[in-house]
Amino acid sequence: MDIRIDDLRGPEIAGLLAEHLRGMHAHSPPGSVHALDLDALRQPHITFWSAWQGGDLLGCGALKAIDAAHGEIKSMRTAAAHVRKGVAAALLRTILDEAGRRGYRRLSLETGSGPAFEPAHALYAGFGFDRCGPFEGYTEDPFSVFMTRELAPGKA
């Protein structure tokens, strides 16, 4: 698996992110969907990775800088044909490693609630994330689950 920083210009990534947004809207009402579109992901404070095997796009994930000590995981998505193959775990390890290199003390995320999001909850819990309250402008929402993990300086 080749995980690399992506410029968000290829048609494959546009397709996967469109699938991601459709999935979020299928399981959460519009005011509760916090997934970012292509333009929002192209901001300088966001680093975006894609995972590939040969010419196949396996998945993606992003790291948003909230401040010098806190980052947020965004846009984690595994392509439907590659679910349960370790793609999300590999991307999450890449994001955790980068957060550690940046010296972040905390890494947080928002994901949906309900059965469709249970695999994501399990993935994050398996990597040491615990449920928390809203952060960085989010508000309490029955369709959102907030999770966070403390990071040791220089380590994930």
N, C-alpha and C. Protein backbone atom coordinates (compact mmCIF):
# COMPACT_ATOMS: atom_id res chain seq x y z
N MET A 1 0.85 -1.17 0.00
CA MET A 1 0.00 0.00 0.00
C MET A 1 0.90 1.24 0.00
N ASP A 2 0.63 2.15 -0.90
CA ASP A 2 1.38 3.39 -1.02
C ASP A 2 0.49 4.53 -0.50
N ILE A 3 0.88 5.12 0.63
CA ILE A 3 0.14 6.26 1.19
C ILE A 3 0.96 7.50 0.92
N ARG A 4 0.31 8.48 0.27
CA ARG A 4 1.04 9.69 -0.10
C ARG A 4 0.17 10.93 0.06
N ILE A 5 0.84 12.06 0.23
CA ILE A 5 0.12 13.33 0.27
C ILE A 5 -0.48 13.55 -1.12
N ASP A 6 -1.72 13.97 -1.13
CA ASP A 6 -2.49 14.09 -2.37
C ASP A 6 -2.86 15.55 -2.60
N ASP A 7 -2.78 16.01 -3.84
CA ASP A 7 -3.13 17.39 -4.16
C ASP A 7 -4.63 17.57 -4.45
N LEU A 8 -5.40 16.52 -4.34
CA LEU A 8 -6.86 16.57 -4.52
C LEU A 8 -7.26 17.01 -5.92
N ARG A 9 -6.46 16.69 -6.92
CA ARG A 9 -6.77 17.11 -8.29
C ARG A 9 -7.21 15.94 -9.18
N GLY A 10 -6.96 14.71 -8.75
CA GLY A 10 -7.29 13.57 -9.60
C GLY A 10 -8.76 13.20 -9.57
N PRO A 11 -9.26 12.63 -10.66
CA PRO A 11 -10.68 12.24 -10.71
C PRO A 11 -11.02 11.14 -9.72
N GLU A 12 -10.06 10.27 -9.42
CA GLU A 12 -10.34 9.18 -8.48
C GLU A 12 -10.66 9.72 -7.09
N ILE A 13 -9.86 10.69 -6.64
CA ILE A 13 -10.09 11.23 -5.30
C ILE A 13 -11.38 12.05 -5.28
N ALA A 14 -11.67 12.75 -6.35
CA ALA A 14 -12.94 13.50 -6.43
C ALA A 14 -14.12 12.53 -6.31
N GLY A 15 -14.00 11.37 -6.97
CA GLY A 15 -15.06 10.36 -6.89
C GLY A 15 -15.21 9.79 -5.49
N LEU A 16 -14.09 9.49 -4.84
CA LEU A 16 -14.16 8.93 -3.49
C LEU A 16 -14.73 9.94 -2.50
N LEU A 17 -14.35 11.20 -2.63
CA LEU A 17 -14.89 12.21 -1.73
C LEU A 17 -16.37 12.46 -2.00
N ALA A 18 -16.80 12.36 -3.24
CA ALA A 18 -18.24 12.47 -3.55
C ALA A 18 -18.99 11.31 -2.90
N GLU A 19 -18.41 10.10 -2.97
CA GLU A 19 -19.00 8.93 -2.30
C GLU A 19 -19.06 9.17 -0.79
N HIS A 20 -18.02 9.74 -0.23
CA HIS A 20 -17.96 10.04 1.20
C HIS A 20 -19.09 11.00 1.59
N LEU A 21 -19.26 12.07 0.84
CA LEU A 21 -20.31 13.04 1.14
C LEU A 21 -21.70 12.42 1.00
N ARG A 22 -21.89 11.60 -0.03
CA ARG A 22 -23.19 10.92 -0.19
C ARG A 22 -23.47 10.03 1.01
N GLY A 23 -22.44 9.30 1.45
CA GLY A 23 -22.61 8.42 2.60
C GLY A 23 -22.94 9.18 3.87
N MET A 24 -22.28 10.31 4.07
CA MET A 24 -22.56 11.11 5.27
C MET A 24 -24.00 11.63 5.24
N HIS A 25 -24.43 12.11 4.07
CA HIS A 25 -25.80 12.64 3.95
C HIS A 25 -26.86 11.54 4.03
N ALA A 26 -26.50 10.31 3.68
CA ALA A 26 -27.44 9.20 3.77
C ALA A 26 -27.72 8.79 5.22
N HIS A 27 -26.78 9.10 6.12
CA HIS A 27 -26.91 8.64 7.50
C HIS A 27 -27.05 9.76 8.53
N SER A 28 -26.99 11.00 8.09
CA SER A 28 -27.11 12.14 9.00
C SER A 28 -27.87 13.26 8.32
N PRO A 29 -28.66 14.03 9.06
CA PRO A 29 -29.36 15.16 8.45
C PRO A 29 -28.36 16.25 8.02
N PRO A 30 -28.73 17.10 7.06
CA PRO A 30 -27.80 18.08 6.51
C PRO A 30 -27.07 18.93 7.55
N GLY A 31 -27.71 19.41 8.57
CA GLY A 31 -27.05 20.25 9.56
C GLY A 31 -26.07 19.50 10.44
N SER A 32 -26.06 18.18 10.33
CA SER A 32 -25.18 17.34 11.14
C SER A 32 -24.05 16.70 10.34
N VAL A 33 -23.91 17.08 9.08
CA VAL A 33 -22.83 16.56 8.24
C VAL A 33 -21.69 17.57 8.26
N HIS A 34 -20.53 17.14 8.73
CA HIS A 34 -19.38 18.04 8.85
C HIS A 34 -18.24 17.64 7.91
N ALA A 35 -18.53 16.79 6.93
CA ALA A 35 -17.52 16.38 5.95
C ALA A 35 -17.18 17.57 5.06
N LEU A 36 -15.92 17.66 4.67
CA LEU A 36 -15.45 18.77 3.85
C LEU A 36 -15.43 18.39 2.38
N ASP A 37 -15.74 19.35 1.52
CA ASP A 37 -15.66 19.11 0.08
C ASP A 37 -14.23 19.37 -0.40
N LEU A 38 -14.00 19.18 -1.70
CA LEU A 38 -12.66 19.34 -2.26
C LEU A 38 -12.06 20.71 -1.97
N ASP A 39 -12.80 21.77 -2.18
CA ASP A 39 -12.25 23.10 -1.96
C ASP A 39 -11.87 23.32 -0.49
N ALA A 40 -12.70 22.87 0.42
CA ALA A 40 -12.41 23.04 1.85
C ALA A 40 -11.16 22.23 2.24
N LEU A 41 -10.96 21.08 1.62
CA LEU A 41 -9.80 20.24 1.94
C LEU A 41 -8.50 20.80 1.36
N ARG A 42 -8.59 21.72 0.43
CA ARG A 42 -7.39 22.30 -0.20
C ARG A 42 -6.80 23.46 0.59
N GLN A 43 -7.26 23.68 1.79
CA GLN A 43 -6.75 24.79 2.62
C GLN A 43 -5.36 24.47 3.12
N PRO A 44 -4.53 25.48 3.32
CA PRO A 44 -3.14 25.24 3.72
C PRO A 44 -2.97 24.58 5.09
N HIS A 45 -3.96 24.68 5.96
CA HIS A 45 -3.85 24.07 7.29
C HIS A 45 -4.35 22.62 7.31
N ILE A 46 -4.61 22.06 6.12
CA ILE A 46 -5.07 20.67 6.00
C ILE A 46 -4.09 19.90 5.13
N THR A 47 -3.65 18.75 5.64
CA THR A 47 -2.82 17.82 4.86
C THR A 47 -3.70 16.62 4.54
N PHE A 48 -3.71 16.23 3.29
CA PHE A 48 -4.60 15.17 2.81
C PHE A 48 -3.76 14.03 2.22
N TRP A 49 -4.07 12.81 2.64
CA TRP A 49 -3.38 11.62 2.13
C TRP A 49 -4.35 10.72 1.38
N SER A 50 -3.83 10.04 0.39
CA SER A 50 -4.58 8.99 -0.29
C SER A 50 -3.75 7.71 -0.24
N ALA A 51 -4.44 6.58 -0.22
CA ALA A 51 -3.79 5.27 -0.18
C ALA A 51 -4.07 4.56 -1.51
N TRP A 52 -3.03 4.01 -2.09
CA TRP A 52 -3.13 3.39 -3.42
C TRP A 52 -2.48 2.02 -3.41
N GLN A 53 -2.97 1.19 -4.29
CA GLN A 53 -2.30 -0.08 -4.61
C GLN A 53 -2.35 -0.19 -6.12
N GLY A 54 -1.19 -0.01 -6.72
CA GLY A 54 -1.16 0.09 -8.18
C GLY A 54 -1.98 1.31 -8.57
N GLY A 55 -2.91 1.14 -9.49
CA GLY A 55 -3.77 2.24 -9.92
C GLY A 55 -5.07 2.34 -9.15
N ASP A 56 -5.25 1.51 -8.12
CA ASP A 56 -6.50 1.52 -7.36
C ASP A 56 -6.41 2.44 -6.15
N LEU A 57 -7.36 3.36 -6.04
CA LEU A 57 -7.47 4.22 -4.87
C LEU A 57 -8.17 3.42 -3.78
N LEU A 58 -7.48 3.24 -2.65
CA LEU A 58 -8.02 2.43 -1.56
C LEU A 58 -8.77 3.26 -0.53
N GLY A 59 -8.30 4.48 -0.28
CA GLY A 59 -8.93 5.30 0.75
C GLY A 59 -8.21 6.62 0.91
N CYS A 60 -8.70 7.41 1.89
CA CYS A 60 -8.13 8.73 2.13
C CYS A 60 -8.35 9.15 3.57
N GLY A 61 -7.63 10.18 3.96
CA GLY A 61 -7.78 10.77 5.27
C GLY A 61 -7.00 12.08 5.32
N ALA A 62 -7.38 12.95 6.26
CA ALA A 62 -6.75 14.26 6.34
C ALA A 62 -6.49 14.64 7.79
N LEU A 63 -5.55 15.58 7.94
CA LEU A 63 -5.20 16.14 9.24
C LEU A 63 -5.33 17.65 9.14
N LYS A 64 -6.21 18.20 9.95
CA LYS A 64 -6.44 19.64 10.01
C LYS A 64 -5.76 20.19 11.25
N ALA A 65 -4.98 21.24 11.08
CA ALA A 65 -4.35 21.91 12.22
C ALA A 65 -5.38 22.83 12.86
N ILE A 66 -5.70 22.56 14.12
CA ILE A 66 -6.58 23.46 14.87
C ILE A 66 -5.74 24.57 15.49
N ASP A 67 -4.66 24.18 16.14
CA ASP A 67 -3.67 25.13 16.66
C ASP A 67 -2.35 24.38 16.78
N ALA A 68 -1.36 24.97 17.41
CA ALA A 68 -0.02 24.37 17.47
C ALA A 68 0.02 23.07 18.25
N ALA A 69 -0.99 22.79 19.07
CA ALA A 69 -0.97 21.59 19.91
C ALA A 69 -2.13 20.64 19.65
N HIS A 70 -3.01 20.99 18.72
CA HIS A 70 -4.24 20.21 18.55
C HIS A 70 -4.56 20.05 17.06
N GLY A 71 -4.78 18.81 16.64
CA GLY A 71 -5.16 18.52 15.27
C GLY A 71 -6.48 17.79 15.23
N GLU A 72 -7.10 17.79 14.05
CA GLU A 72 -8.38 17.09 13.85
C GLU A 72 -8.27 16.17 12.64
N ILE A 73 -8.75 14.97 12.80
CA ILE A 73 -8.84 14.01 11.70
C ILE A 73 -10.08 14.35 10.88
N LYS A 74 -9.93 14.42 9.58
CA LYS A 74 -11.03 14.72 8.67
C LYS A 74 -11.02 13.72 7.51
N SER A 75 -12.17 13.55 6.91
CA SER A 75 -12.33 12.87 5.62
C SER A 75 -11.73 11.47 5.55
N MET A 76 -11.85 10.71 6.64
CA MET A 76 -11.42 9.30 6.60
C MET A 76 -12.45 8.52 5.80
N ARG A 77 -12.00 7.85 4.76
CA ARG A 77 -12.91 7.06 3.94
C ARG A 77 -12.13 5.94 3.28
N THR A 78 -12.69 4.75 3.32
CA THR A 78 -12.15 3.61 2.58
C THR A 78 -13.08 3.35 1.40
N ALA A 79 -12.50 3.15 0.22
CA ALA A 79 -13.31 2.82 -0.96
C ALA A 79 -14.06 1.51 -0.69
N ALA A 80 -15.30 1.46 -1.14
CA ALA A 80 -16.18 0.32 -0.85
C ALA A 80 -15.54 -1.03 -1.18
N ALA A 81 -14.80 -1.11 -2.25
CA ALA A 81 -14.18 -2.38 -2.66
C ALA A 81 -13.02 -2.79 -1.76
N HIS A 82 -12.60 -1.92 -0.86
CA HIS A 82 -11.42 -2.21 -0.04
C HIS A 82 -11.69 -2.16 1.46
N VAL A 83 -12.95 -2.15 1.84
CA VAL A 83 -13.32 -2.14 3.26
C VAL A 83 -12.83 -3.43 3.92
N ARG A 84 -12.38 -3.32 5.16
CA ARG A 84 -11.92 -4.43 6.00
C ARG A 84 -10.61 -5.05 5.51
N LYS A 85 -9.79 -4.22 4.87
CA LYS A 85 -8.48 -4.68 4.40
C LYS A 85 -7.34 -3.94 5.10
N GLY A 86 -7.65 -3.16 6.14
CA GLY A 86 -6.61 -2.44 6.87
C GLY A 86 -6.26 -1.07 6.32
N VAL A 87 -7.03 -0.60 5.36
CA VAL A 87 -6.75 0.70 4.75
C VAL A 87 -6.90 1.83 5.77
N ALA A 88 -8.02 1.86 6.47
CA ALA A 88 -8.27 2.94 7.44
C ALA A 88 -7.22 2.92 8.55
N ALA A 89 -6.85 1.75 9.01
CA ALA A 89 -5.83 1.65 10.07
C ALA A 89 -4.49 2.19 9.58
N ALA A 90 -4.12 1.88 8.35
CA ALA A 90 -2.86 2.38 7.80
C ALA A 90 -2.89 3.90 7.65
N LEU A 91 -3.99 4.43 7.18
CA LEU A 91 -4.12 5.89 7.06
C LEU A 91 -4.10 6.54 8.43
N LEU A 92 -4.77 5.95 9.40
CA LEU A 92 -4.79 6.51 10.75
C LEU A 92 -3.39 6.51 11.36
N ARG A 93 -2.62 5.45 11.15
CA ARG A 93 -1.23 5.43 11.63
C ARG A 93 -0.42 6.56 10.98
N THR A 94 -0.62 6.81 9.70
CA THR A 94 0.07 7.89 9.01
C THR A 94 -0.29 9.24 9.63
N ILE A 95 -1.56 9.45 9.90
CA ILE A 95 -2.01 10.71 10.49
C ILE A 95 -1.47 10.86 11.91
N LEU A 96 -1.50 9.79 12.69
CA LEU A 96 -0.95 9.84 14.05
C LEU A 96 0.56 10.14 14.02
N ASP A 97 1.27 9.53 13.11
CA ASP A 97 2.71 9.79 12.99
C ASP A 97 2.97 11.26 12.67
N GLU A 98 2.21 11.81 11.74
CA GLU A 98 2.40 13.22 11.37
C GLU A 98 2.02 14.13 12.53
N ALA A 99 0.95 13.82 13.23
CA ALA A 99 0.57 14.62 14.40
C ALA A 99 1.69 14.62 15.44
N GLY A 100 2.31 13.48 15.63
CA GLY A 100 3.44 13.39 16.56
C GLY A 100 4.62 14.22 16.09
N ARG A 101 4.94 14.16 14.78
CA ARG A 101 6.04 14.95 14.23
C ARG A 101 5.79 16.45 14.42
N ARG A 102 4.53 16.84 14.32
CA ARG A 102 4.18 18.26 14.47
C ARG A 102 4.19 18.70 15.94
N GLY A 103 4.27 17.76 16.85
CA GLY A 103 4.28 18.11 18.26
C GLY A 103 2.89 18.33 18.84
N TYR A 104 1.87 17.83 18.17
CA TYR A 104 0.51 17.98 18.72
C TYR A 104 0.41 17.24 20.04
N ARG A 105 -0.35 17.77 20.95
CA ARG A 105 -0.59 17.14 22.25
C ARG A 105 -1.94 16.43 22.26
N ARG A 106 -2.80 16.76 21.29
CA ARG A 106 -4.13 16.17 21.22
C ARG A 106 -4.55 16.03 19.76
N LEU A 107 -5.25 14.93 19.49
CA LEU A 107 -5.82 14.70 18.17
C LEU A 107 -7.29 14.35 18.39
N SER A 108 -8.18 15.03 17.70
CA SER A 108 -9.62 14.86 17.91
C SER A 108 -10.31 14.59 16.58
N LEU A 109 -11.55 14.19 16.66
CA LEU A 109 -12.35 13.93 15.46
C LEU A 109 -13.83 14.01 15.78
N GLU A 110 -14.59 14.22 14.73
CA GLU A 110 -16.04 14.14 14.79
C GLU A 110 -16.45 13.11 13.76
N THR A 111 -17.34 12.21 14.15
CA THR A 111 -17.90 11.25 13.22
C THR A 111 -19.38 11.11 13.53
N GLY A 112 -20.06 10.36 12.73
CA GLY A 112 -21.50 10.21 12.93
C GLY A 112 -21.82 9.23 14.05
N SER A 113 -23.09 9.23 14.40
CA SER A 113 -23.59 8.27 15.38
C SER A 113 -24.46 7.25 14.64
N GLY A 114 -24.85 6.22 15.30
CA GLY A 114 -25.72 5.23 14.69
C GLY A 114 -24.94 4.06 14.11
N PRO A 115 -25.67 3.04 13.72
CA PRO A 115 -25.05 1.78 13.27
C PRO A 115 -24.07 1.91 12.11
N ALA A 116 -24.32 2.80 11.18
CA ALA A 116 -23.43 2.93 10.02
C ALA A 116 -22.03 3.38 10.43
N PHE A 117 -21.91 4.02 11.59
CA PHE A 117 -20.63 4.56 12.03
C PHE A 117 -19.94 3.70 13.09
N GLU A 118 -20.55 2.58 13.48
CA GLU A 118 -19.95 1.73 14.51
C GLU A 118 -18.56 1.21 14.12
N PRO A 119 -18.31 0.84 12.85
CA PRO A 119 -16.94 0.43 12.51
C PRO A 119 -15.92 1.55 12.74
N ALA A 120 -16.30 2.79 12.46
CA ALA A 120 -15.39 3.92 12.70
C ALA A 120 -15.14 4.09 14.19
N HIS A 121 -16.20 4.00 14.99
CA HIS A 121 -16.04 4.12 16.45
C HIS A 121 -15.06 3.06 16.96
N ALA A 122 -15.22 1.84 16.47
CA ALA A 122 -14.34 0.74 16.91
C ALA A 122 -12.90 0.98 16.47
N LEU A 123 -12.71 1.44 15.25
CA LEU A 123 -11.36 1.74 14.76
C LEU A 123 -10.69 2.77 15.66
N TYR A 124 -11.35 3.88 15.89
CA TYR A 124 -10.75 4.94 16.69
C TYR A 124 -10.51 4.50 18.13
N ALA A 125 -11.46 3.79 18.71
CA ALA A 125 -11.28 3.29 20.08
C ALA A 125 -10.07 2.36 20.14
N GLY A 126 -9.89 1.54 19.12
CA GLY A 126 -8.75 0.64 19.06
C GLY A 126 -7.41 1.35 19.00
N PHE A 127 -7.42 2.60 18.57
CA PHE A 127 -6.21 3.41 18.50
C PHE A 127 -6.11 4.37 19.69
N GLY A 128 -6.92 4.13 20.73
CA GLY A 128 -6.80 4.91 21.96
C GLY A 128 -7.63 6.17 22.04
N PHE A 129 -8.54 6.36 21.11
CA PHE A 129 -9.42 7.53 21.17
C PHE A 129 -10.58 7.25 22.11
N ASP A 130 -10.94 8.26 22.90
CA ASP A 130 -12.07 8.18 23.82
C ASP A 130 -13.10 9.22 23.43
N ARG A 131 -14.34 8.94 23.77
CA ARG A 131 -15.39 9.93 23.51
C ARG A 131 -15.15 11.17 24.36
N CYS A 132 -15.53 12.30 23.80
CA CYS A 132 -15.35 13.58 24.48
C CYS A 132 -16.51 14.50 24.06
N GLY A 133 -16.48 15.69 24.55
CA GLY A 133 -17.48 16.68 24.15
C GLY A 133 -17.05 17.38 22.87
N PRO A 134 -17.92 18.25 22.38
CA PRO A 134 -17.59 19.01 21.16
C PRO A 134 -16.33 19.85 21.35
N PHE A 135 -15.64 20.11 20.28
CA PHE A 135 -14.42 20.91 20.27
C PHE A 135 -14.46 21.82 19.04
N GLU A 136 -13.60 22.80 19.02
CA GLU A 136 -13.34 23.65 17.84
C GLU A 136 -14.61 24.08 17.08
N GLY A 137 -15.57 24.63 17.78
CA GLY A 137 -16.75 25.17 17.11
C GLY A 137 -17.89 24.20 16.88
N TYR A 138 -17.69 22.91 17.14
CA TYR A 138 -18.79 21.96 17.05
C TYR A 138 -19.73 22.19 18.24
N THR A 139 -20.97 21.72 18.11
CA THR A 139 -21.93 21.78 19.21
C THR A 139 -22.49 20.38 19.45
N GLU A 140 -23.08 20.19 20.61
CA GLU A 140 -23.73 18.91 20.91
C GLU A 140 -24.72 18.60 19.80
N ASP A 141 -24.76 17.35 19.37
CA ASP A 141 -25.63 16.94 18.29
C ASP A 141 -25.84 15.43 18.43
N PRO A 142 -27.09 14.97 18.46
CA PRO A 142 -27.30 13.53 18.61
C PRO A 142 -26.79 12.72 17.43
N PHE A 143 -26.47 13.38 16.32
CA PHE A 143 -25.96 12.68 15.14
C PHE A 143 -24.43 12.71 15.06
N SER A 144 -23.79 13.28 16.08
CA SER A 144 -22.32 13.36 16.10
C SER A 144 -21.76 12.63 17.30
N VAL A 145 -20.60 12.00 17.08
CA VAL A 145 -19.79 11.43 18.14
C VAL A 145 -18.45 12.13 18.06
N PHE A 146 -17.98 12.65 19.19
CA PHE A 146 -16.70 13.33 19.27
C PHE A 146 -15.74 12.42 20.02
N MET A 147 -14.52 12.33 19.51
CA MET A 147 -13.50 11.48 20.14
C MET A 147 -12.18 12.24 20.15
N THR A 148 -11.33 11.91 21.12
CA THR A 148 -10.04 12.57 21.24
C THR A 148 -9.01 11.62 21.81
N ARG A 149 -7.76 11.96 21.60
CA ARG A 149 -6.66 11.18 22.13
C ARG A 149 -5.52 12.14 22.49
N GLU A 150 -4.98 11.98 23.68
CA GLU A 150 -3.80 12.74 24.07
C GLU A 150 -2.59 12.12 23.36
N LEU A 151 -1.65 12.97 22.99
CA LEU A 151 -0.42 12.53 22.34
C LEU A 151 0.77 12.98 23.17
N ALA A 152 1.75 12.13 23.29
CA ALA A 152 2.99 12.51 23.97
C ALA A 152 3.78 13.39 23.00
N PRO A 153 4.49 14.38 23.49
CA PRO A 153 5.26 15.24 22.59
C PRO A 153 6.21 14.43 21.71
N GLY A 154 6.12 14.68 20.41
CA GLY A 154 7.00 14.01 19.47
C GLY A 154 6.66 12.56 19.18
N LYS A 155 5.56 12.07 19.74
CA LYS A 155 5.16 10.67 19.54
C LYS A 155 3.69 10.57 19.25
N ALA A 156 3.31 9.52 18.54
CA ALA A 156 1.90 9.20 18.35
C ALA A 156 1.68 7.96 19.13
